[in-house]
């Protein structure tokens, strides 16, 4: 392969390599996220935990 052909192939492949690198860099950017609203108080009554040794009716 002559030097001229080699340089010509590099010039053809250059934009494709840059395009591939740009698409990979675009995917690597962290995505934006939206924070959920923080509730001021737990919605509902709090009950004390039951005895863990007692079998519940839904345990099968």
C-alpha atoms as a PDB file:
ATOM      1  CA  UNK A   1       0.000   0.000   0.000  1.00  0.00           C
ATOM      2  CA  UNK A   2       1.405   3.353  -0.958  1.00  0.00           C
ATOM      3  CA  UNK A   3       1.605   6.290   1.393  1.00  0.00           C
ATOM      4  CA  UNK A   4      -0.975   8.161  -0.658  1.00  0.00           C
ATOM      5  CA  UNK A   5      -3.534   5.309  -0.373  1.00  0.00           C
ATOM      6  CA  UNK A   6      -2.877   5.020   3.351  1.00  0.00           C
ATOM      7  CA  UNK A   7      -3.468   8.730   3.948  1.00  0.00           C
ATOM      8  CA  UNK A   8      -6.565   8.602   1.761  1.00  0.00           C
ATOM      9  CA  UNK A   9      -7.995   5.716   3.815  1.00  0.00           C
ATOM     10  CA  UNK A  10      -7.239   7.552   7.050  1.00  0.00           C
ATOM     11  CA  UNK A  11      -9.061  10.620   5.767  1.00  0.00           C
ATOM     12  CA  UNK A  12     -12.073   8.478   4.848  1.00  0.00           C
ATOM     13  CA  UNK A  13     -12.123   6.655   8.194  1.00  0.00           C
ATOM     14  CA  UNK A  14     -11.549   9.772  10.327  1.00  0.00           C
ATOM     15  CA  UNK A  15     -15.113  11.123  10.296  1.00  0.00           C
ATOM     16  CA  UNK A  16     -16.527   7.653  11.011  1.00  0.00           C
ATOM     17  CA  UNK A  17     -14.248   7.241  14.022  1.00  0.00           C
ATOM     18  CA  UNK A  18     -15.188  10.696  15.307  1.00  0.00           C
ATOM     19  CA  UNK A  19     -18.878   9.960  14.801  1.00  0.00           C
ATOM     20  CA  UNK A  20     -18.580   6.709  16.755  1.00  0.00           C
ATOM     21  CA  UNK A  21     -16.648   8.392  19.560  1.00  0.00           C
ATOM     22  CA  UNK A  22     -19.243  11.186  19.731  1.00  0.00           C
ATOM     23  CA  UNK A  23     -22.128   8.709  19.988  1.00  0.00           C
ATOM     24  CA  UNK A  24     -20.343   6.816  22.789  1.00  0.00           C
ATOM     25  CA  UNK A  25     -19.648  10.071  24.621  1.00  0.00           C
ATOM     26  CA  UNK A  26     -23.303  11.080  24.289  1.00  0.00           C
ATOM     27  CA  UNK A  27     -24.410   7.816  25.914  1.00  0.00           C
ATOM     28  CA  UNK A  28     -21.888   8.238  28.742  1.00  0.00           C
ATOM     29  CA  UNK A  29     -23.373  11.567  29.884  1.00  0.00           C
ATOM     30  CA  UNK A  30     -25.362  11.111  33.108  1.00  0.00           C
ATOM     31  CA  UNK A  31     -29.093  11.454  32.638  1.00  0.00           C
ATOM     32  CA  UNK A  32     -31.089  14.184  34.324  1.00  0.00           C
ATOM     33  CA  UNK A  33     -33.371  13.075  37.118  1.00  0.00           C
ATOM     34  CA  UNK A  34     -36.300  14.575  38.947  1.00  0.00           C
ATOM     35  CA  UNK A  35     -36.421  14.484  42.724  1.00  0.00           C
ATOM     36  CA  UNK A  36     -39.588  13.140  44.291  1.00  0.00           C
ATOM     37  CA  UNK A  37     -41.479  15.304  46.735  1.00  0.00           C
ATOM     38  CA  UNK A  38     -40.535  14.553  50.316  1.00  0.00           C
ATOM     39  CA  UNK A  39     -43.508  13.936  52.565  1.00  0.00           C
ATOM     40  CA  UNK A  40     -43.438  15.808  55.847  1.00  0.00           C
ATOM     41  CA  UNK A  41     -45.197  13.047  57.778  1.00  0.00           C
ATOM     42  CA  UNK A  42     -45.712   9.342  57.204  1.00  0.00           C
ATOM     43  CA  UNK A  43     -49.219   8.932  55.726  1.00  0.00           C
ATOM     44  CA  UNK A  44     -50.929   6.479  58.036  1.00  0.00           C
ATOM     45  CA  UNK A  45     -50.741   5.033  61.507  1.00  0.00           C
ATOM     46  CA  UNK A  46     -47.563   3.453  62.812  1.00  0.00           C
ATOM     47  CA  UNK A  47     -48.075   0.149  64.595  1.00  0.00           C
ATOM     48  CA  UNK A  48     -45.585  -1.716  66.757  1.00  0.00           C
ATOM     49  CA  UNK A  49     -44.045  -4.825  65.180  1.00  0.00           C
ATOM     50  CA  UNK A  50     -45.638  -8.164  66.032  1.00  0.00           C
ATOM     51  CA  UNK A  51     -43.927 -11.220  67.399  1.00  0.00           C
ATOM     52  CA  UNK A  52     -41.778 -12.649  64.571  1.00  0.00           C
ATOM     53  CA  UNK A  53     -42.178 -16.199  65.848  1.00  0.00           C
ATOM     54  CA  UNK A  54     -45.961 -16.074  65.430  1.00  0.00           C
ATOM     55  CA  UNK A  55     -47.129 -17.401  62.066  1.00  0.00           C
ATOM     56  CA  UNK A  56     -49.310 -14.978  60.137  1.00  0.00           C
ATOM     57  CA  UNK A  57     -52.426 -15.937  58.227  1.00  0.00           C
ATOM     58  CA  UNK A  58     -50.765 -15.078  54.874  1.00  0.00           C
ATOM     59  CA  UNK A  59     -47.540 -17.019  55.395  1.00  0.00           C
ATOM     60  CA  UNK A  60     -48.882 -20.104  53.617  1.00  0.00           C
END
